[in-house]
Amino acid sequence: MAITVTWSVLDMKRDAATGGVKEVRWQCVAQADTGESAVEAGKYICTPDPDAEGFVAFEDLTEELVLGWVKAQEGFDAAKIEVNRTGKVEAQIVRKTAEATGLPWAPAEEAAE
């Protein structure tokens, strides 16, 4: 069983005049190759300064750069989020493998329907 963790930006709000990003909506998805998944999402509020050194124009932003902002915010623990989501997926798999359905008097192919 492999679990893949994927971070993504879902949407951003920006100042129409300056292009400065004001809000980033993000998500972190842990997905097992068996189909189980767990998601955590949130928003990061930005204070853009178009006159600041290093300001990046909206059209030049990349998802990687914006996720870097999200993960760099004070008190944000990306590793903890990944561990928690992965743990939830692992718990789903344990529950799924610990339970079975069916009737003891029905043939196996009928019980599966």
N, C-alpha and C. Protein backbone atom coordinates (compact mmCIF):
# COMPACT_ATOMS: atom_id res chain seq x y z
N MET A 1 0.83 -1.17 0.00
CA MET A 1 0.00 0.00 0.00
C MET A 1 0.88 1.25 0.00
N ALA A 2 0.66 2.08 -0.97
CA ALA A 2 1.39 3.34 -1.04
C ALA A 2 0.42 4.49 -0.83
N ILE A 3 0.87 5.49 -0.09
CA ILE A 3 0.07 6.70 0.13
C ILE A 3 0.83 7.88 -0.45
N THR A 4 0.15 8.62 -1.30
CA THR A 4 0.73 9.80 -1.94
C THR A 4 0.11 11.05 -1.33
N VAL A 5 0.94 12.02 -0.99
CA VAL A 5 0.47 13.29 -0.45
C VAL A 5 0.66 14.36 -1.52
N THR A 6 -0.40 15.10 -1.80
CA THR A 6 -0.36 16.14 -2.83
C THR A 6 -0.89 17.45 -2.27
N TRP A 7 -0.10 18.49 -2.42
CA TRP A 7 -0.52 19.84 -2.04
C TRP A 7 -0.95 20.58 -3.30
N SER A 8 -2.00 21.40 -3.18
CA SER A 8 -2.42 22.20 -4.34
C SER A 8 -3.08 23.50 -3.88
N VAL A 9 -3.07 24.46 -4.80
CA VAL A 9 -3.77 25.72 -4.59
C VAL A 9 -5.10 25.60 -5.31
N LEU A 10 -6.18 25.84 -4.59
CA LEU A 10 -7.52 25.73 -5.17
C LEU A 10 -7.98 27.02 -5.83
N ASP A 11 -7.63 28.15 -5.20
CA ASP A 11 -8.06 29.44 -5.73
C ASP A 11 -7.30 30.55 -5.01
N MET A 12 -7.31 31.73 -5.59
CA MET A 12 -6.68 32.90 -4.97
C MET A 12 -7.56 34.12 -5.22
N LYS A 13 -7.59 35.00 -4.23
CA LYS A 13 -8.20 36.32 -4.41
C LYS A 13 -7.07 37.32 -4.52
N ARG A 14 -7.25 38.31 -5.39
CA ARG A 14 -6.20 39.30 -5.57
C ARG A 14 -6.81 40.68 -5.74
N ASP A 15 -5.98 41.68 -5.55
CA ASP A 15 -6.35 43.06 -5.81
C ASP A 15 -6.33 43.24 -7.32
N ALA A 16 -7.44 43.62 -7.90
CA ALA A 16 -7.53 43.72 -9.36
C ALA A 16 -6.58 44.77 -9.93
N ALA A 17 -6.33 45.83 -9.19
CA ALA A 17 -5.48 46.90 -9.71
C ALA A 17 -3.99 46.54 -9.67
N THR A 18 -3.55 45.92 -8.58
CA THR A 18 -2.11 45.64 -8.42
C THR A 18 -1.74 44.19 -8.73
N GLY A 19 -2.72 43.31 -8.69
CA GLY A 19 -2.43 41.89 -8.88
C GLY A 19 -1.91 41.22 -7.63
N GLY A 20 -1.81 41.96 -6.53
CA GLY A 20 -1.33 41.40 -5.27
C GLY A 20 -2.30 40.39 -4.71
N VAL A 21 -1.81 39.21 -4.37
CA VAL A 21 -2.65 38.14 -3.85
C VAL A 21 -3.01 38.46 -2.40
N LYS A 22 -4.32 38.38 -2.10
CA LYS A 22 -4.82 38.68 -0.76
C LYS A 22 -5.19 37.41 0.01
N GLU A 23 -5.55 36.37 -0.71
CA GLU A 23 -5.98 35.13 -0.04
C GLU A 23 -5.67 33.94 -0.93
N VAL A 24 -5.16 32.90 -0.30
CA VAL A 24 -4.86 31.65 -1.00
C VAL A 24 -5.67 30.54 -0.35
N ARG A 25 -6.42 29.80 -1.14
CA ARG A 25 -7.13 28.61 -0.65
C ARG A 25 -6.35 27.40 -1.11
N TRP A 26 -5.98 26.55 -0.16
CA TRP A 26 -5.10 25.41 -0.43
C TRP A 26 -5.72 24.12 0.09
N GLN A 27 -5.14 23.00 -0.37
CA GLN A 27 -5.53 21.71 0.18
C GLN A 27 -4.35 20.76 0.16
N CYS A 28 -4.41 19.80 1.07
CA CYS A 28 -3.44 18.73 1.15
C CYS A 28 -4.24 17.43 1.14
N VAL A 29 -3.96 16.56 0.16
CA VAL A 29 -4.68 15.30 0.01
C VAL A 29 -3.71 14.14 0.17
N ALA A 30 -4.06 13.22 1.06
CA ALA A 30 -3.33 11.96 1.18
C ALA A 30 -4.21 10.91 0.53
N GLN A 31 -3.66 10.16 -0.44
CA GLN A 31 -4.45 9.19 -1.21
C GLN A 31 -3.70 7.88 -1.26
N ALA A 32 -4.39 6.80 -0.87
CA ALA A 32 -3.80 5.47 -0.96
C ALA A 32 -4.07 4.89 -2.34
N ASP A 33 -3.20 4.01 -2.78
CA ASP A 33 -3.40 3.38 -4.08
C ASP A 33 -4.61 2.43 -4.06
N THR A 34 -5.18 2.22 -2.88
CA THR A 34 -6.39 1.39 -2.75
C THR A 34 -7.66 2.24 -2.75
N GLY A 35 -7.51 3.57 -2.86
CA GLY A 35 -8.67 4.45 -3.01
C GLY A 35 -9.02 5.30 -1.80
N GLU A 36 -8.56 4.95 -0.63
CA GLU A 36 -8.88 5.74 0.55
C GLU A 36 -8.16 7.09 0.47
N SER A 37 -8.80 8.12 1.04
CA SER A 37 -8.16 9.44 1.01
C SER A 37 -8.59 10.27 2.21
N ALA A 38 -7.79 11.28 2.50
CA ALA A 38 -8.10 12.25 3.56
C ALA A 38 -7.61 13.60 3.08
N VAL A 39 -8.41 14.63 3.35
CA VAL A 39 -8.12 15.97 2.86
C VAL A 39 -8.09 16.96 4.02
N GLU A 40 -7.16 17.88 3.95
CA GLU A 40 -7.18 19.05 4.84
C GLU A 40 -7.05 20.26 3.93
N ALA A 41 -7.85 21.27 4.22
CA ALA A 41 -7.84 22.48 3.40
C ALA A 41 -7.88 23.69 4.30
N GLY A 42 -7.47 24.82 3.75
CA GLY A 42 -7.51 26.04 4.53
C GLY A 42 -7.26 27.24 3.65
N LYS A 43 -7.11 28.38 4.31
CA LYS A 43 -6.81 29.59 3.56
C LYS A 43 -5.69 30.34 4.26
N TYR A 44 -4.92 31.01 3.46
CA TYR A 44 -3.81 31.82 3.92
C TYR A 44 -4.11 33.25 3.49
N ILE A 45 -4.14 34.17 4.45
CA ILE A 45 -4.41 35.56 4.17
C ILE A 45 -3.08 36.28 3.96
N CYS A 46 -2.96 36.99 2.85
CA CYS A 46 -1.72 37.68 2.48
C CYS A 46 -1.92 39.20 2.60
N THR A 47 -0.81 39.88 2.77
CA THR A 47 -0.81 41.35 2.74
C THR A 47 0.17 41.76 1.65
N PRO A 48 -0.31 41.86 0.41
CA PRO A 48 0.60 42.15 -0.69
C PRO A 48 1.10 43.59 -0.68
N ASP A 49 2.35 43.76 -1.07
CA ASP A 49 2.94 45.09 -1.22
C ASP A 49 3.62 45.14 -2.58
N PRO A 50 2.93 45.70 -3.59
CA PRO A 50 3.48 45.73 -4.94
C PRO A 50 4.78 46.52 -5.07
N ASP A 51 5.10 47.34 -4.06
CA ASP A 51 6.33 48.12 -4.09
C ASP A 51 7.50 47.42 -3.41
N ALA A 52 7.23 46.29 -2.78
CA ALA A 52 8.28 45.57 -2.05
C ALA A 52 9.21 44.84 -2.99
N GLU A 53 10.47 44.75 -2.57
CA GLU A 53 11.44 43.98 -3.34
C GLU A 53 10.99 42.51 -3.31
N GLY A 54 11.05 41.85 -4.43
CA GLY A 54 10.66 40.45 -4.51
C GLY A 54 9.19 40.24 -4.84
N PHE A 55 8.43 41.34 -4.98
CA PHE A 55 7.02 41.19 -5.37
C PHE A 55 6.96 40.50 -6.73
N VAL A 56 6.08 39.51 -6.84
CA VAL A 56 5.94 38.76 -8.08
C VAL A 56 4.58 39.10 -8.68
N ALA A 57 4.59 39.51 -9.93
CA ALA A 57 3.34 39.84 -10.62
C ALA A 57 2.45 38.60 -10.69
N PHE A 58 1.16 38.83 -10.62
CA PHE A 58 0.20 37.72 -10.60
C PHE A 58 0.44 36.74 -11.74
N GLU A 59 0.65 37.24 -12.94
CA GLU A 59 0.81 36.36 -14.11
C GLU A 59 2.11 35.55 -14.06
N ASP A 60 3.03 35.92 -13.16
CA ASP A 60 4.30 35.20 -13.05
C ASP A 60 4.33 34.20 -11.89
N LEU A 61 3.24 34.15 -11.13
CA LEU A 61 3.19 33.23 -9.99
C LEU A 61 3.11 31.78 -10.46
N THR A 62 3.69 30.89 -9.66
CA THR A 62 3.57 29.45 -9.90
C THR A 62 2.93 28.84 -8.66
N GLU A 63 2.34 27.67 -8.84
CA GLU A 63 1.74 26.99 -7.70
C GLU A 63 2.80 26.68 -6.65
N GLU A 64 3.97 26.29 -7.09
CA GLU A 64 5.06 25.98 -6.16
C GLU A 64 5.42 27.20 -5.30
N LEU A 65 5.51 28.37 -5.91
CA LEU A 65 5.84 29.59 -5.17
C LEU A 65 4.75 29.91 -4.15
N VAL A 66 3.50 29.84 -4.57
CA VAL A 66 2.38 30.18 -3.69
C VAL A 66 2.28 29.17 -2.54
N LEU A 67 2.47 27.89 -2.82
CA LEU A 67 2.47 26.90 -1.74
C LEU A 67 3.63 27.16 -0.77
N GLY A 68 4.72 27.68 -1.27
CA GLY A 68 5.83 28.06 -0.41
C GLY A 68 5.42 29.14 0.58
N TRP A 69 4.62 30.11 0.13
CA TRP A 69 4.10 31.13 1.03
C TRP A 69 3.25 30.50 2.12
N VAL A 70 2.34 29.61 1.69
CA VAL A 70 1.44 28.95 2.64
C VAL A 70 2.23 28.20 3.70
N LYS A 71 3.20 27.40 3.26
CA LYS A 71 3.96 26.56 4.19
C LYS A 71 4.93 27.36 5.06
N ALA A 72 5.29 28.57 4.62
CA ALA A 72 6.24 29.39 5.37
C ALA A 72 5.58 30.28 6.42
N GLN A 73 4.25 30.32 6.44
CA GLN A 73 3.59 31.20 7.40
C GLN A 73 3.87 30.74 8.83
N GLU A 74 3.97 31.69 9.72
CA GLU A 74 4.29 31.42 11.11
C GLU A 74 3.26 30.47 11.74
N GLY A 75 3.76 29.45 12.40
CA GLY A 75 2.90 28.50 13.08
C GLY A 75 2.33 27.41 12.19
N PHE A 76 2.62 27.47 10.91
CA PHE A 76 2.11 26.46 9.98
C PHE A 76 3.05 25.26 9.98
N ASP A 77 2.48 24.05 10.14
CA ASP A 77 3.30 22.84 10.20
C ASP A 77 2.85 21.87 9.11
N ALA A 78 3.43 22.02 7.92
CA ALA A 78 3.07 21.19 6.78
C ALA A 78 3.35 19.71 7.06
N ALA A 79 4.46 19.43 7.72
CA ALA A 79 4.80 18.03 8.02
C ALA A 79 3.75 17.39 8.92
N LYS A 80 3.27 18.14 9.90
CA LYS A 80 2.23 17.62 10.81
C LYS A 80 0.94 17.34 10.04
N ILE A 81 0.58 18.24 9.14
CA ILE A 81 -0.62 18.04 8.32
C ILE A 81 -0.48 16.76 7.50
N GLU A 82 0.68 16.56 6.87
CA GLU A 82 0.90 15.36 6.07
C GLU A 82 0.82 14.09 6.92
N VAL A 83 1.42 14.12 8.10
CA VAL A 83 1.38 12.96 8.99
C VAL A 83 -0.06 12.67 9.43
N ASN A 84 -0.80 13.72 9.78
CA ASN A 84 -2.19 13.53 10.21
C ASN A 84 -3.06 12.96 9.10
N ARG A 85 -2.93 13.50 7.88
CA ARG A 85 -3.75 13.01 6.76
C ARG A 85 -3.36 11.57 6.43
N THR A 86 -2.07 11.28 6.42
CA THR A 86 -1.62 9.91 6.14
C THR A 86 -2.14 8.96 7.20
N GLY A 87 -2.11 9.40 8.46
CA GLY A 87 -2.64 8.57 9.55
C GLY A 87 -4.12 8.28 9.38
N LYS A 88 -4.87 9.26 8.92
CA LYS A 88 -6.30 9.04 8.69
C LYS A 88 -6.53 8.01 7.58
N VAL A 89 -5.73 8.09 6.52
CA VAL A 89 -5.85 7.11 5.44
C VAL A 89 -5.49 5.71 5.95
N GLU A 90 -4.43 5.62 6.72
CA GLU A 90 -4.03 4.31 7.27
C GLU A 90 -5.13 3.75 8.17
N ALA A 91 -5.78 4.60 8.96
CA ALA A 91 -6.88 4.15 9.82
C ALA A 91 -8.06 3.66 8.99
N GLN A 92 -8.35 4.33 7.88
CA GLN A 92 -9.43 3.88 6.99
C GLN A 92 -9.12 2.48 6.45
N ILE A 93 -7.87 2.27 6.07
CA ILE A 93 -7.47 0.98 5.51
C ILE A 93 -7.59 -0.11 6.58
N VAL A 94 -7.17 0.18 7.80
CA VAL A 94 -7.28 -0.79 8.89
C VAL A 94 -8.74 -1.14 9.14
N ARG A 95 -9.61 -0.13 9.20
CA ARG A 95 -11.04 -0.40 9.40
C ARG A 95 -11.60 -1.24 8.26
N LYS A 96 -11.21 -0.89 7.04
CA LYS A 96 -11.72 -1.60 5.86
C LYS A 96 -11.29 -3.07 5.87
N THR A 97 -10.05 -3.34 6.25
CA THR A 97 -9.56 -4.72 6.25
C THR A 97 -10.00 -5.49 7.49
N ALA A 98 -10.44 -4.78 8.53
CA ALA A 98 -10.88 -5.45 9.76
C ALA A 98 -12.35 -5.86 9.69
N GLU A 99 -13.07 -5.38 8.69
CA GLU A 99 -14.49 -5.69 8.55
C GLU A 99 -14.75 -6.42 7.24
N ALA A 100 -15.80 -7.22 7.27
CA ALA A 100 -16.22 -7.92 6.06
C ALA A 100 -17.75 -7.93 6.04
N THR A 101 -18.31 -8.10 4.87
CA THR A 101 -19.76 -8.19 4.73
C THR A 101 -20.12 -9.53 4.12
N GLY A 102 -21.38 -9.86 4.20
CA GLY A 102 -21.86 -11.10 3.59
C GLY A 102 -22.73 -11.89 4.54
N LEU A 103 -23.30 -12.94 4.03
CA LEU A 103 -24.16 -13.82 4.80
C LEU A 103 -23.55 -15.21 4.76
N PRO A 104 -23.51 -15.89 5.91
CA PRO A 104 -22.86 -17.19 5.94
C PRO A 104 -23.62 -18.26 5.14
N TRP A 105 -24.88 -18.06 4.89
CA TRP A 105 -25.68 -19.05 4.17
C TRP A 105 -25.80 -18.78 2.68
N ALA A 106 -25.24 -17.62 2.22
CA ALA A 106 -25.33 -17.28 0.80
C ALA A 106 -24.00 -17.61 0.13
N PRO A 107 -24.05 -18.07 -1.14
CA PRO A 107 -22.80 -18.29 -1.88
C PRO A 107 -22.01 -16.97 -1.95
N ALA A 108 -20.71 -17.06 -2.01
CA ALA A 108 -19.83 -15.88 -1.99
C ALA A 108 -20.17 -14.88 -3.09
N GLU A 109 -20.50 -15.34 -4.30
CA GLU A 109 -20.80 -14.39 -5.38
C GLU A 109 -22.09 -13.64 -5.12
N GLU A 110 -23.08 -14.25 -4.45
CA GLU A 110 -24.30 -13.56 -4.11
C GLU A 110 -24.06 -12.55 -2.99
N ALA A 111 -23.24 -12.90 -2.02
CA ALA A 111 -22.96 -12.02 -0.89
C ALA A 111 -22.25 -10.76 -1.35
N ALA A 112 -21.49 -10.84 -2.41
CA ALA A 112 -20.72 -9.71 -2.90
C ALA A 112 -21.60 -8.70 -3.62
N GLU A 113 -22.79 -9.11 -4.07
CA GLU A 113 -23.67 -8.21 -4.85
C GLU A 113 -24.34 -7.18 -4.01
